[in-house]
Each structure stands twice: as C-alpha cells, then as structure tokens.
Amino acid sequence: MPSVRNILIVDDNDSVRSALRSLIEATAGLRVCGEAADGLRAIEKTRELQPDLILLDLAMPKLNGAATASILKHLIPRIPIILFTLYETAADKLGLAVGADLVLSKPDGLHDLVDKIQDLLEGRSPRNHAAPA
C-alpha cells in the first residue's frame, strides 16, 4: 500500500469540507489533495489531481453529486467514490446506480467514514451504512 493516499472532498458547505479535512488528515496514510464546492469543479480537480478516492456530496449547485459521480466513473472507472449525503432515503439506490461505490449518511456515517475509506482504498467492499430503501 502506498504511504499516502489522496482524497478529494466535494461538498458545497465550507464547514463540512473543513470538518472532513480534519477527520481525514488526522488519519495516518490519508491526505486531502484538494476540495471542490460543486460538481463541475470536482471534475476539473479530479482530472488535475488524480485522487485515490472521492468523497462526494449529493446536493450541490451547478452539477449534483449523482451526475458528477456518473461522469467521473465514465472518465476514470477505477476511482472509488463515496456519496456522502444528508438525503439517505433514495440516495442508496441512486448512488449505486450512478457508479458510487458506497453511500453513507452524513449524520450516521461520520463515525466510521475513515474505516470505509480505508476499506475501499484497500480493495475491500464495505457495507453500505445508509438504510435500504
């Protein structure tokens, strides 16, 4: 396993991005390589930075998380994407349909987010934390 794995955080809320950055960077072997506040910028940043994993919000301006995930999976199929959202009821099926590898609810998924990131980066298949629809 490479010594440092790069994570791109995509969320339109500055406070959420900051909190996620703190959580991720407090973990050995993980580094936030960049941030984006909307889906269009996420696509640009992904092409530029080539992250090892993308943490992606569902509800964003310009291009929502579902559309962004679909485009990113088409461009770089190997990249793991975690759809991290407040809207868990329909997000589970929607996220997996558009190519997200995992859907986590923000309120419930934060406590084991780092474990799920590491599972995906190491090729393990984490179990979705969002409630089944």
Protein backbone atom coordinates (compact mmCIF):
# COMPACT_ATOMS: atom_id res chain seq x y z
CA MET A 1 0.00 0.00 0.00
CA PRO A 2 1.39 3.43 -0.88
CA SER A 3 2.41 5.51 2.11
CA VAL A 4 -0.10 8.31 1.48
CA ARG A 5 -3.47 8.06 -0.27
CA ASN A 6 -5.03 11.23 -1.67
CA ILE A 7 -8.67 12.12 -1.09
CA LEU A 8 -10.71 14.77 -2.93
CA ILE A 9 -13.54 16.29 -0.85
CA VAL A 10 -16.52 17.66 -2.78
CA ASP A 11 -19.20 19.48 -0.78
CA ASP A 12 -20.82 22.89 -1.20
CA ASN A 13 -20.62 23.61 2.55
CA ASP A 14 -17.30 25.10 3.70
CA SER A 15 -17.79 23.89 7.28
CA VAL A 16 -18.44 20.32 6.17
CA ARG A 17 -15.35 20.33 3.94
CA SER A 18 -13.25 21.67 6.81
CA ALA A 19 -14.55 19.06 9.26
CA LEU A 20 -13.98 16.25 6.76
CA ARG A 21 -10.46 17.51 6.04
CA SER A 22 -9.64 17.48 9.77
CA LEU A 23 -11.03 13.97 10.22
CA ILE A 24 -9.24 12.55 7.18
CA GLU A 25 -5.90 14.24 7.78
CA ALA A 26 -5.86 13.03 11.40
CA THR A 27 -5.55 9.50 9.97
CA ALA A 28 -2.13 8.15 9.11
CA GLY A 29 -1.78 7.39 5.42
CA LEU A 30 -4.60 9.69 4.26
CA ARG A 31 -4.25 13.20 2.86
CA VAL A 32 -6.74 15.63 1.37
CA CYS A 33 -5.25 16.59 -2.00
CA GLY A 34 -8.00 19.06 -2.85
CA GLU A 35 -11.51 20.35 -2.35
CA ALA A 36 -14.36 21.42 -4.60
CA ALA A 37 -17.68 23.13 -3.84
CA ASP A 38 -19.63 21.88 -6.87
CA GLY A 39 -19.69 19.04 -9.37
CA LEU A 40 -18.14 20.94 -12.27
CA ARG A 41 -15.13 21.91 -10.16
CA ALA A 42 -14.92 18.32 -8.87
CA ILE A 43 -14.45 17.06 -12.43
CA GLU A 44 -11.71 19.64 -13.06
CA LYS A 45 -9.97 18.81 -9.77
CA THR A 46 -10.18 15.06 -10.43
CA ARG A 47 -8.52 15.44 -13.82
CA GLU A 48 -5.85 17.73 -12.34
CA LEU A 49 -5.10 15.89 -9.07
CA GLN A 50 -5.87 12.23 -9.88
CA PRO A 51 -7.04 11.44 -6.31
CA ASP A 52 -7.17 7.88 -4.98
CA LEU A 53 -10.75 8.37 -3.72
CA ILE A 54 -13.51 10.99 -3.98
CA LEU A 55 -15.83 11.90 -1.12
CA LEU A 56 -18.85 13.44 -2.86
CA ASP A 57 -21.93 15.27 -1.58
CA LEU A 58 -25.26 14.61 -3.32
CA ALA A 59 -26.95 18.03 -3.18
CA MET A 60 -24.67 20.63 -4.78
CA PRO A 61 -25.01 23.58 -7.16
CA LYS A 62 -24.11 23.51 -10.86
CA LEU A 63 -23.89 19.70 -11.09
CA ASN A 64 -25.29 17.45 -8.36
CA GLY A 65 -23.43 14.51 -6.85
CA ALA A 66 -25.29 11.84 -8.82
CA ALA A 67 -24.48 13.45 -12.18
CA THR A 68 -20.91 14.13 -11.05
CA ALA A 69 -20.38 10.51 -9.94
CA SER A 70 -21.70 9.24 -13.26
CA ILE A 71 -19.33 11.48 -15.25
CA LEU A 72 -16.34 10.67 -13.04
CA LYS A 73 -16.93 6.91 -13.29
CA HIS A 74 -17.08 7.26 -17.07
CA LEU A 75 -13.82 9.26 -17.14
CA ILE A 76 -11.90 7.24 -14.53
CA PRO A 77 -13.70 3.95 -13.80
CA ARG A 78 -11.13 2.75 -11.23
CA ILE A 79 -11.63 5.66 -8.83
CA PRO A 80 -13.67 4.81 -5.71
CA ILE A 81 -16.46 7.27 -4.94
CA ILE A 82 -18.27 7.63 -1.63
CA LEU A 83 -21.54 9.52 -1.89
CA PHE A 84 -21.82 11.25 1.49
CA THR A 85 -25.25 12.80 1.93
CA LEU A 86 -27.99 14.02 4.24
CA TYR A 87 -30.60 12.53 1.91
CA GLU A 88 -30.20 8.84 2.62
CA THR A 89 -33.69 7.56 1.77
CA ALA A 90 -33.30 7.45 -2.02
CA ALA A 91 -29.55 8.09 -2.17
CA ASP A 92 -28.57 4.47 -1.61
CA LYS A 93 -30.18 3.17 -4.81
CA LEU A 94 -29.44 6.35 -6.75
CA GLY A 95 -25.80 6.46 -5.71
CA LEU A 96 -25.07 2.89 -6.62
CA ALA A 97 -26.93 3.29 -9.93
CA VAL A 98 -24.71 6.20 -10.99
CA GLY A 99 -21.47 4.50 -10.02
CA ALA A 100 -20.80 5.41 -6.40
CA ASP A 101 -19.03 2.57 -4.60
CA LEU A 102 -20.64 3.40 -1.28
CA VAL A 103 -23.39 5.66 0.04
CA LEU A 104 -23.13 6.97 3.60
CA SER A 105 -25.50 9.20 5.50
CA LYS A 106 -23.74 12.24 6.96
CA PRO A 107 -25.41 12.00 10.38
CA ASP A 108 -24.78 8.26 10.79
CA GLY A 109 -21.73 7.63 8.63
CA LEU A 110 -19.26 10.10 10.09
CA HIS A 111 -18.16 7.82 12.93
CA ASP A 112 -16.90 5.11 10.57
CA LEU A 113 -16.10 7.19 7.48
CA VAL A 114 -12.34 6.70 7.75
CA ASP A 115 -12.75 2.92 8.08
CA LYS A 116 -14.94 2.87 4.94
CA ILE A 117 -12.40 5.00 3.04
CA GLN A 118 -9.61 2.60 4.01
CA ASP A 119 -11.73 -0.43 3.04
CA LEU A 120 -12.29 0.97 -0.45
CA LEU A 121 -8.65 2.00 -0.90
CA GLU A 122 -7.50 -1.47 0.09
CA GLY A 123 -9.93 -3.16 -2.29
CA ARG A 124 -12.32 -4.41 0.36
CA SER A 125 -16.03 -3.99 -0.25
CA PRO A 126 -17.52 -2.01 2.64
CA ARG A 127 -21.16 -2.50 3.53
CA ASN A 128 -23.41 0.49 2.89
CA HIS A 129 -24.32 2.36 6.05
CA ALA A 130 -27.38 4.06 4.57
CA ALA A 131 -30.69 2.43 5.32
CA PRO A 132 -32.03 0.26 2.49
CA ALA A 133 -34.92 1.80 0.59
